[in-house]
Amino acid sequence: MLVDSHCHLDFPDFAEELDAVVARAGEAGVGCMVTICTRVRQFDRILAVAERFDNVWCSVGLHPHDAAEEPELDADRLVELAAHPKVVGIGETGLDFHYDHSPRDVQAAKFRVHIDAARRTGLPLIVHSRSADETTAEILRAEMAQGTFTGVMHCFSSGRALADAAVALGLYISLSGILTFKKADELRDIALAMPMDRLLVETDAPYLAPVPNRGRRNEPAFVSLTAQRLADLRQLSPAEVAEITTANFFRLFRRAAVPVAA
């Protein structure tokens, strides 16, 4: 069984055929999915998707792009919403200095709010980091010194230094379809160097469809293509990669339950 540890099933891209998308995932061997919250004010929509399917879980959080949209959001609110049994993670949160859709200081402040909530709930932090490697590592180190928490660097496409820093802090690295892209040699080197017991796979659907589907709408079924590329890199069988990454997922996302059919 594979797990798509990060997708966005509430997005309009899937509205017309959500049942079919989840069914295709199952046919491709994807037994569990986590649909990710990007705006807390839309949490009910994300939760509704998770409640609709036994093998879909969700998170609660505010994407750094939208950090300025919800200035009132605090850790208490995140902790309150995270009490729902379908919520398995806090985020996605973090820093995006590539687009700077929200001021950097606001992004950093909300990042720390999410870390506080992850620490208080014991749920893993789901971290987005783009063009912000050094600051992301600084905040993670400083916050870890204030009290431990778990988490994952989602859709990892940053440099080796951030990957090493995250793993040293006990975090996991999640690989997306970018791993299959022609010019992603640096990422493949990182995927080869990281401990296998710290790797997850994801789609970030509807974005970043892996080769040979690049340019199409991504969906959870396609996580199998990323897992296949990882298997090739690590000289493992696809079954071994599925077993390892799925075990890693359930070790990190402890509230998620293995589907009965699995």
C-alpha atoms as a PDB file:
ATOM      1  CA  MET A   1       0.000   0.000   0.000  1.00  0.00           C
ATOM      2  CA  LEU A   2       1.123   3.534  -0.808  1.00  0.00           C
ATOM      3  CA  VAL A   3       0.096   6.728   0.983  1.00  0.00           C
ATOM      4  CA  ASP A   4      -0.348  10.128  -0.640  1.00  0.00           C
ATOM      5  CA  SER A   5       0.776  12.175   2.340  1.00  0.00           C
ATOM      6  CA  HIS A   6      -0.179  15.558   0.845  1.00  0.00           C
ATOM      7  CA  CYS A   7      -2.919  16.449  -1.631  1.00  0.00           C
ATOM      8  CA  HIS A   8      -5.699  19.024  -1.964  1.00  0.00           C
ATOM      9  CA  LEU A   9      -8.889  17.093  -2.637  1.00  0.00           C
ATOM     10  CA  ASP A  10     -11.101  20.039  -1.691  1.00  0.00           C
ATOM     11  CA  PHE A  11      -9.827  22.117  -4.622  1.00  0.00           C
ATOM     12  CA  PRO A  12     -12.282  22.857  -7.450  1.00  0.00           C
ATOM     13  CA  ASP A  13     -10.121  20.750  -9.794  1.00  0.00           C
ATOM     14  CA  PHE A  14     -11.667  17.627  -8.235  1.00  0.00           C
ATOM     15  CA  ALA A  15     -15.217  18.816  -7.585  1.00  0.00           C
ATOM     16  CA  GLU A  16     -16.754  17.092 -10.593  1.00  0.00           C
ATOM     17  CA  GLU A  17     -15.279  13.645  -9.966  1.00  0.00           C
ATOM     18  CA  LEU A  18     -14.001  13.309  -6.430  1.00  0.00           C
ATOM     19  CA  ASP A  19     -15.400   9.803  -5.973  1.00  0.00           C
ATOM     20  CA  ALA A  20     -13.688   8.677  -9.175  1.00  0.00           C
ATOM     21  CA  VAL A  21     -10.377  10.277  -8.132  1.00  0.00           C
ATOM     22  CA  VAL A  22     -10.404   8.434  -4.805  1.00  0.00           C
ATOM     23  CA  ALA A  23     -11.401   5.197  -6.547  1.00  0.00           C
ATOM     24  CA  ARG A  24      -8.549   5.521  -9.058  1.00  0.00           C
ATOM     25  CA  ALA A  25      -6.144   6.039  -6.169  1.00  0.00           C
ATOM     26  CA  GLY A  26      -7.276   2.759  -4.676  1.00  0.00           C
ATOM     27  CA  GLU A  27      -6.859   0.985  -7.996  1.00  0.00           C
ATOM     28  CA  ALA A  28      -3.280   2.299  -8.143  1.00  0.00           C
ATOM     29  CA  GLY A  29      -2.521   0.892  -4.686  1.00  0.00           C
ATOM     30  CA  VAL A  30      -2.886   4.182  -2.793  1.00  0.00           C
ATOM     31  CA  GLY A  31      -4.668   3.147   0.362  1.00  0.00           C
ATOM     32  CA  CYS A  32      -4.604   6.397   2.310  1.00  0.00           C
ATOM     33  CA  MET A  33      -4.530  10.135   1.544  1.00  0.00           C
ATOM     34  CA  VAL A  34      -4.167  13.340   3.555  1.00  0.00           C
ATOM     35  CA  THR A  35      -6.027  16.349   2.161  1.00  0.00           C
ATOM     36  CA  ILE A  36      -4.320  19.517   3.316  1.00  0.00           C
ATOM     37  CA  CYS A  37      -5.807  22.719   4.691  1.00  0.00           C
ATOM     38  CA  THR A  38      -4.434  25.996   3.315  1.00  0.00           C
ATOM     39  CA  ARG A  39      -6.951  28.423   4.855  1.00  0.00           C
ATOM     40  CA  VAL A  40      -8.382  27.839   8.320  1.00  0.00           C
ATOM     41  CA  ARG A  41     -11.540  29.734   7.356  1.00  0.00           C
ATOM     42  CA  GLN A  42     -12.159  26.949   4.805  1.00  0.00           C
ATOM     43  CA  PHE A  43     -11.473  24.109   7.233  1.00  0.00           C
ATOM     44  CA  ASP A  44     -15.075  22.861   7.149  1.00  0.00           C
ATOM     45  CA  ARG A  45     -14.677  22.196   3.427  1.00  0.00           C
ATOM     46  CA  ILE A  46     -11.504  20.167   3.956  1.00  0.00           C
ATOM     47  CA  LEU A  47     -13.027  18.273   6.872  1.00  0.00           C
ATOM     48  CA  ALA A  48     -16.091  17.394   4.794  1.00  0.00           C
ATOM     49  CA  VAL A  49     -13.863  15.613   2.266  1.00  0.00           C
ATOM     50  CA  ALA A  50     -12.066  13.679   4.996  1.00  0.00           C
ATOM     51  CA  GLU A  51     -15.346  12.640   6.618  1.00  0.00           C
ATOM     52  CA  ARG A  52     -16.703  11.447   3.281  1.00  0.00           C
ATOM     53  CA  PHE A  53     -14.032   8.764   2.825  1.00  0.00           C
ATOM     54  CA  ASP A  54     -12.753   6.266   5.391  1.00  0.00           C
ATOM     55  CA  ASN A  55      -9.221   6.394   3.971  1.00  0.00           C
ATOM     56  CA  VAL A  56      -8.868  10.179   3.691  1.00  0.00           C
ATOM     57  CA  TRP A  57      -7.505  12.260   6.571  1.00  0.00           C
ATOM     58  CA  CYS A  58      -6.901  15.995   6.794  1.00  0.00           C
ATOM     59  CA  SER A  59      -4.860  18.757   8.391  1.00  0.00           C
ATOM     60  CA  VAL A  60      -5.653  22.205   9.710  1.00  0.00           C
ATOM     61  CA  GLY A  61      -3.487  25.186   8.865  1.00  0.00           C
ATOM     62  CA  LEU A  62      -2.797  28.400   6.975  1.00  0.00           C
ATOM     63  CA  HIS A  63      -0.521  28.426   3.923  1.00  0.00           C
ATOM     64  CA  PRO A  64       2.263  31.051   4.005  1.00  0.00           C
ATOM     65  CA  HIS A  65       0.826  32.569   0.811  1.00  0.00           C
ATOM     66  CA  ASP A  66      -2.303  33.408   2.807  1.00  0.00           C
ATOM     67  CA  ALA A  67      -0.717  34.190   6.177  1.00  0.00           C
ATOM     68  CA  ALA A  68      -1.840  37.831   6.089  1.00  0.00           C
ATOM     69  CA  GLU A  69      -5.462  36.918   5.333  1.00  0.00           C
ATOM     70  CA  GLU A  70      -6.191  35.560   8.802  1.00  0.00           C
ATOM     71  CA  PRO A  71      -4.372  37.867  11.252  1.00  0.00           C
ATOM     72  CA  GLU A  72      -6.523  36.658  14.129  1.00  0.00           C
ATOM     73  CA  LEU A  73      -5.416  33.026  13.827  1.00  0.00           C
ATOM     74  CA  ASP A  74      -3.660  31.771  16.938  1.00  0.00           C
ATOM     75  CA  ALA A  75      -2.480  28.437  18.304  1.00  0.00           C
ATOM     76  CA  ASP A  76      -5.572  28.072  20.494  1.00  0.00           C
ATOM     77  CA  ARG A  77      -7.798  28.018  17.402  1.00  0.00           C
ATOM     78  CA  LEU A  78      -5.599  25.461  15.665  1.00  0.00           C
ATOM     79  CA  VAL A  79      -5.558  23.254  18.760  1.00  0.00           C
ATOM     80  CA  GLU A  80      -9.338  23.506  19.016  1.00  0.00           C
ATOM     81  CA  LEU A  81      -9.913  22.417  15.409  1.00  0.00           C
ATOM     82  CA  ALA A  82      -7.229  19.732  15.609  1.00  0.00           C
ATOM     83  CA  ALA A  83      -9.242  17.928  18.283  1.00  0.00           C
ATOM     84  CA  HIS A  84     -11.370  16.386  15.519  1.00  0.00           C
ATOM     85  CA  PRO A  85     -10.325  12.733  15.064  1.00  0.00           C
ATOM     86  CA  LYS A  86      -9.966  13.132  11.309  1.00  0.00           C
ATOM     87  CA  VAL A  87      -7.256  15.776  11.730  1.00  0.00           C
ATOM     88  CA  VAL A  88      -3.799  14.193  11.616  1.00  0.00           C
ATOM     89  CA  GLY A  89      -1.481  17.176  11.085  1.00  0.00           C
ATOM     90  CA  ILE A  90      -0.918  20.908  11.563  1.00  0.00           C
ATOM     91  CA  GLY A  91      -0.365  22.954   8.394  1.00  0.00           C
ATOM     92  CA  GLU A  92       0.572  23.461   5.780  1.00  0.00           C
ATOM     93  CA  THR A  93       2.610  26.308   7.123  1.00  0.00           C
ATOM     94  CA  GLY A  94       6.079  27.718   6.647  1.00  0.00           C
ATOM     95  CA  LEU A  95       7.807  30.275   4.460  1.00  0.00           C
ATOM     96  CA  ASP A  96       7.542  31.147   0.774  1.00  0.00           C
ATOM     97  CA  PHE A  97      10.006  33.869  -0.178  1.00  0.00           C
ATOM     98  CA  HIS A  98       9.672  33.043  -3.880  1.00  0.00           C
ATOM     99  CA  TYR A  99       6.268  34.658  -4.332  1.00  0.00           C
ATOM    100  CA  ASP A 100       6.075  36.732  -1.116  1.00  0.00           C
ATOM    101  CA  HIS A 101       2.279  36.816  -1.282  1.00  0.00           C
ATOM    102  CA  SER A 102       2.308  37.684   2.436  1.00  0.00           C
ATOM    103  CA  PRO A 103       4.924  39.811   4.241  1.00  0.00           C
ATOM    104  CA  ARG A 104       7.862  37.738   5.415  1.00  0.00           C
ATOM    105  CA  ASP A 105       7.524  38.735   9.048  1.00  0.00           C
ATOM    106  CA  VAL A 106       3.862  37.704   8.999  1.00  0.00           C
ATOM    107  CA  GLN A 107       4.752  34.356   7.423  1.00  0.00           C
ATOM    108  CA  ALA A 108       7.347  33.756  10.132  1.00  0.00           C
ATOM    109  CA  ALA A 109       4.958  34.712  12.920  1.00  0.00           C
ATOM    110  CA  LYS A 110       2.246  32.346  11.658  1.00  0.00           C
ATOM    111  CA  PHE A 111       4.852  29.612  11.178  1.00  0.00           C
ATOM    112  CA  ARG A 112       5.667  29.884  14.880  1.00  0.00           C
ATOM    113  CA  VAL A 113       1.957  29.805  15.759  1.00  0.00           C
ATOM    114  CA  HIS A 114       1.624  26.505  13.907  1.00  0.00           C
ATOM    115  CA  ILE A 115       4.713  25.098  15.605  1.00  0.00           C
ATOM    116  CA  ASP A 116       3.179  25.951  18.969  1.00  0.00           C
ATOM    117  CA  ALA A 117      -0.001  24.110  17.978  1.00  0.00           C
ATOM    118  CA  ALA A 118       1.976  21.089  16.750  1.00  0.00           C
ATOM    119  CA  ARG A 119       3.889  20.979  20.003  1.00  0.00           C
ATOM    120  CA  ARG A 120       0.702  21.232  22.085  1.00  0.00           C
ATOM    121  CA  THR A 121      -1.279  18.637  20.129  1.00  0.00           C
ATOM    122  CA  GLY A 122       1.532  16.209  19.385  1.00  0.00           C
ATOM    123  CA  LEU A 123       0.467  16.238  15.726  1.00  0.00           C
ATOM    124  CA  PRO A 124       3.116  16.580  13.010  1.00  0.00           C
ATOM    125  CA  LEU A 125       3.871  19.964  11.474  1.00  0.00           C
ATOM    126  CA  ILE A 126       3.510  20.100   7.673  1.00  0.00           C
ATOM    127  CA  VAL A 127       6.146  22.538   6.409  1.00  0.00           C
ATOM    128  CA  HIS A 128       6.190  24.429   3.115  1.00  0.00           C
ATOM    129  CA  SER A 129       9.513  26.090   2.321  1.00  0.00           C
ATOM    130  CA  ARG A 130      10.433  27.791  -0.936  1.00  0.00           C
ATOM    131  CA  SER A 131      13.399  30.109  -1.489  1.00  0.00           C
ATOM    132  CA  ALA A 132      13.669  30.367   2.294  1.00  0.00           C
ATOM    133  CA  ASP A 133      16.037  27.555   3.264  1.00  0.00           C
ATOM    134  CA  GLU A 134      18.183  29.437   5.747  1.00  0.00           C
ATOM    135  CA  THR A 135      15.331  31.169   7.584  1.00  0.00           C
ATOM    136  CA  THR A 136      13.256  27.975   7.682  1.00  0.00           C
ATOM    137  CA  ALA A 137      16.150  26.095   9.279  1.00  0.00           C
ATOM    138  CA  GLU A 138      16.763  28.901  11.763  1.00  0.00           C
ATOM    139  CA  ILE A 139      13.133  28.937  12.913  1.00  0.00           C
ATOM    140  CA  LEU A 140      12.925  25.148  13.154  1.00  0.00           C
ATOM    141  CA  ARG A 141      16.105  24.983  15.237  1.00  0.00           C
ATOM    142  CA  ALA A 142      15.063  27.844  17.523  1.00  0.00           C
ATOM    143  CA  GLU A 143      11.601  26.434  18.074  1.00  0.00           C
ATOM    144  CA  MET A 144      12.855  22.889  18.644  1.00  0.00           C
ATOM    145  CA  ALA A 145      15.068  24.282  21.396  1.00  0.00           C
ATOM    146  CA  GLN A 146      11.898  25.606  23.071  1.00  0.00           C
ATOM    147  CA  GLY A 147      10.234  22.190  23.039  1.00  0.00           C
ATOM    148  CA  THR A 148      10.181  19.226  20.705  1.00  0.00           C
ATOM    149  CA  PHE A 149       7.679  18.598  17.924  1.00  0.00           C
ATOM    150  CA  THR A 150       7.476  16.327  14.893  1.00  0.00           C
ATOM    151  CA  GLY A 151       6.920  17.201  11.268  1.00  0.00           C
ATOM    152  CA  VAL A 152       7.587  16.801   7.578  1.00  0.00           C
ATOM    153  CA  MET A 153       9.138  18.998   4.909  1.00  0.00           C
ATOM    154  CA  HIS A 154       6.445  18.636   2.289  1.00  0.00           C
ATOM    155  CA  CYS A 155       7.088  18.611  -1.476  1.00  0.00           C
ATOM    156  CA  PHE A 156      10.778  18.984  -0.791  1.00  0.00           C
ATOM    157  CA  SER A 157      12.612  20.940  -3.481  1.00  0.00           C
ATOM    158  CA  SER A 158      15.107  22.887  -1.370  1.00  0.00           C
ATOM    159  CA  GLY A 159      18.841  22.404  -0.905  1.00  0.00           C
ATOM    160  CA  ARG A 160      20.808  19.698   0.841  1.00  0.00           C
ATOM    161  CA  ALA A 161      21.557  21.898   3.863  1.00  0.00           C
ATOM    162  CA  LEU A 162      17.862  22.251   4.727  1.00  0.00           C
ATOM    163  CA  ALA A 163      17.259  18.537   4.207  1.00  0.00           C
ATOM    164  CA  ASP A 164      20.133  17.695   6.555  1.00  0.00           C
ATOM    165  CA  ALA A 165      18.928  20.235   9.125  1.00  0.00           C
ATOM    166  CA  ALA A 166      15.381  18.869   9.043  1.00  0.00           C
ATOM    167  CA  VAL A 167      16.467  15.261   9.434  1.00  0.00           C
ATOM    168  CA  ALA A 168      18.849  16.203  12.253  1.00  0.00           C
ATOM    169  CA  LEU A 169      15.874  17.751  14.059  1.00  0.00           C
ATOM    170  CA  GLY A 170      13.859  14.548  13.649  1.00  0.00           C
ATOM    171  CA  LEU A 171      11.675  15.714  10.762  1.00  0.00           C
ATOM    172  CA  TYR A 172      10.800  13.752   7.638  1.00  0.00           C
ATOM    173  CA  ILE A 173      11.264  14.603   3.952  1.00  0.00           C
ATOM    174  CA  SER A 174       8.349  14.157   1.534  1.00  0.00           C
ATOM    175  CA  LEU A 175       9.035  13.697  -2.170  1.00  0.00           C
ATOM    176  CA  SER A 176       6.627  14.769  -4.901  1.00  0.00           C
ATOM    177  CA  GLY A 177       6.455  14.398  -8.662  1.00  0.00           C
ATOM    178  CA  ILE A 178       9.354  16.858  -8.931  1.00  0.00           C
ATOM    179  CA  LEU A 179      11.556  13.821  -8.287  1.00  0.00           C
ATOM    180  CA  THR A 180      10.715  12.616 -11.816  1.00  0.00           C
ATOM    181  CA  PHE A 181      11.422  15.919 -13.597  1.00  0.00           C
ATOM    182  CA  LYS A 182      14.302  15.993 -16.054  1.00  0.00           C
ATOM    183  CA  LYS A 183      16.219  18.821 -14.360  1.00  0.00           C
ATOM    184  CA  ALA A 184      15.744  17.604 -10.772  1.00  0.00           C
ATOM    185  CA  ASP A 185      19.171  15.970 -10.423  1.00  0.00           C
ATOM    186  CA  GLU A 186      19.941  17.829  -7.184  1.00  0.00           C
ATOM    187  CA  LEU A 187      16.709  16.614  -5.627  1.00  0.00           C
ATOM    188  CA  ARG A 188      17.429  13.047  -6.743  1.00  0.00           C
ATOM    189  CA  ASP A 189      20.850  13.286  -5.091  1.00  0.00           C
ATOM    190  CA  ILE A 190      19.172  14.413  -1.877  1.00  0.00           C
ATOM    191  CA  ALA A 191      16.595  11.608  -2.082  1.00  0.00           C
ATOM    192  CA  LEU A 192      19.437   9.135  -2.481  1.00  0.00           C
ATOM    193  CA  ALA A 193      21.342  10.560   0.486  1.00  0.00           C
ATOM    194  CA  MET A 194      18.513  10.798   3.024  1.00  0.00           C
ATOM    195  CA  PRO A 195      17.790   7.901   5.418  1.00  0.00           C
ATOM    196  CA  MET A 196      15.020   5.719   3.972  1.00  0.00           C
ATOM    197  CA  ASP A 197      13.234   5.728   7.320  1.00  0.00           C
ATOM    198  CA  ARG A 198      12.668   9.487   6.956  1.00  0.00           C
ATOM    199  CA  LEU A 199      11.131   9.559   3.460  1.00  0.00           C
ATOM    200  CA  LEU A 200       7.487   9.964   2.479  1.00  0.00           C
ATOM    201  CA  VAL A 201       5.857  10.329  -0.939  1.00  0.00           C
ATOM    202  CA  GLU A 202       3.108  12.719  -1.992  1.00  0.00           C
ATOM    203  CA  THR A 203       1.449  14.307  -5.001  1.00  0.00           C
ATOM    204  CA  ASP A 204       0.597  17.852  -3.860  1.00  0.00           C
ATOM    205  CA  ALA A 205      -2.303  17.266  -6.265  1.00  0.00           C
ATOM    206  CA  PRO A 206      -3.612  18.945  -8.328  1.00  0.00           C
ATOM    207  CA  TYR A 207      -0.109  20.337  -8.864  1.00  0.00           C
ATOM    208  CA  LEU A 208       3.189  18.840 -10.067  1.00  0.00           C
ATOM    209  CA  ALA A 209       2.066  15.714 -11.895  1.00  0.00           C
ATOM    210  CA  PRO A 210       5.025  13.349 -12.305  1.00  0.00           C
ATOM    211  CA  VAL A 211       6.466  12.262 -15.628  1.00  0.00           C
ATOM    212  CA  PRO A 212       4.924  10.985 -17.926  1.00  0.00           C
ATOM    213  CA  ASN A 213       1.848  12.969 -16.820  1.00  0.00           C
ATOM    214  CA  ARG A 214       3.645  16.287 -16.361  1.00  0.00           C
ATOM    215  CA  GLY A 215       1.436  19.147 -17.503  1.00  0.00           C
ATOM    216  CA  ARG A 216      -1.771  17.299 -16.615  1.00  0.00           C
ATOM    217  CA  ARG A 217      -3.818  17.715 -13.485  1.00  0.00           C
ATOM    218  CA  ASN A 218      -2.189  15.650 -10.779  1.00  0.00           C
ATOM    219  CA  GLU A 219      -4.148  13.207  -8.613  1.00  0.00           C
ATOM    220  CA  PRO A 220      -3.341  10.764  -5.773  1.00  0.00           C
ATOM    221  CA  ALA A 221      -3.096   7.730  -8.081  1.00  0.00           C
ATOM    222  CA  PHE A 222       0.025   9.273  -9.609  1.00  0.00           C
ATOM    223  CA  VAL A 223       1.988   9.005  -6.351  1.00  0.00           C
ATOM    224  CA  SER A 224       2.878   5.523  -7.577  1.00  0.00           C
ATOM    225  CA  LEU A 225       5.035   7.107 -10.296  1.00  0.00           C
ATOM    226  CA  THR A 226       7.040   9.068  -7.746  1.00  0.00           C
ATOM    227  CA  ALA A 227       7.437   5.939  -5.637  1.00  0.00           C
ATOM    228  CA  GLN A 228       8.661   4.047  -8.708  1.00  0.00           C
ATOM    229  CA  ARG A 229      11.305   6.726  -9.381  1.00  0.00           C
ATOM    230  CA  LEU A 230      12.412   6.544  -5.758  1.00  0.00           C
ATOM    231  CA  ALA A 231      12.655   2.758  -6.041  1.00  0.00           C
ATOM    232  CA  ASP A 232      14.860   3.104  -9.118  1.00  0.00           C
ATOM    233  CA  LEU A 233      17.123   5.591  -7.327  1.00  0.00           C
ATOM    234  CA  ARG A 234      17.500   3.510  -4.194  1.00  0.00           C
ATOM    235  CA  GLN A 235      17.757   0.208  -6.080  1.00  0.00           C
ATOM    236  CA  LEU A 236      14.748  -1.159  -4.271  1.00  0.00           C
ATOM    237  CA  SER A 237      11.612  -2.811  -5.551  1.00  0.00           C
ATOM    238  CA  PRO A 238       8.414  -0.741  -5.748  1.00  0.00           C
ATOM    239  CA  ALA A 239       6.946  -3.027  -3.075  1.00  0.00           C
ATOM    240  CA  GLU A 240       9.849  -2.261  -0.728  1.00  0.00           C
ATOM    241  CA  VAL A 241       9.449   1.488  -1.241  1.00  0.00           C
ATOM    242  CA  ALA A 242       5.707   1.229  -0.625  1.00  0.00           C
ATOM    243  CA  GLU A 243       6.268  -0.750   2.567  1.00  0.00           C
ATOM    244  CA  ILE A 244       8.940   1.611   3.899  1.00  0.00           C
ATOM    245  CA  THR A 245       7.289   4.928   3.052  1.00  0.00           C
ATOM    246  CA  THR A 246       3.918   3.739   4.336  1.00  0.00           C
ATOM    247  CA  ALA A 247       5.467   2.588   7.624  1.00  0.00           C
ATOM    248  CA  ASN A 248       7.183   5.979   7.861  1.00  0.00           C
ATOM    249  CA  PHE A 249       3.871   7.745   7.283  1.00  0.00           C
ATOM    250  CA  PHE A 250       2.033   5.906  10.052  1.00  0.00           C
ATOM    251  CA  ARG A 251       4.980   6.380  12.415  1.00  0.00           C
ATOM    252  CA  LEU A 252       4.756  10.141  11.882  1.00  0.00           C
ATOM    253  CA  PHE A 253       1.002  10.603  11.442  1.00  0.00           C
ATOM    254  CA  ARG A 254       0.075   8.555  14.467  1.00  0.00           C
ATOM    255  CA  ARG A 255      -3.570   9.535  14.548  1.00  0.00           C
ATOM    256  CA  ALA A 256      -4.165   8.127  11.064  1.00  0.00           C
ATOM    257  CA  ALA A 257      -5.423   4.553  11.089  1.00  0.00           C
ATOM    258  CA  VAL A 258      -4.471   1.884   8.589  1.00  0.00           C
ATOM    259  CA  PRO A 259      -7.524   1.308   6.333  1.00  0.00           C
ATOM    260  CA  VAL A 260      -9.284  -1.952   7.156  1.00  0.00           C
ATOM    261  CA  ALA A 261      -9.033  -3.129   3.549  1.00  0.00           C
ATOM    262  CA  ALA A 262      -5.247  -2.761   3.664  1.00  0.00           C
END
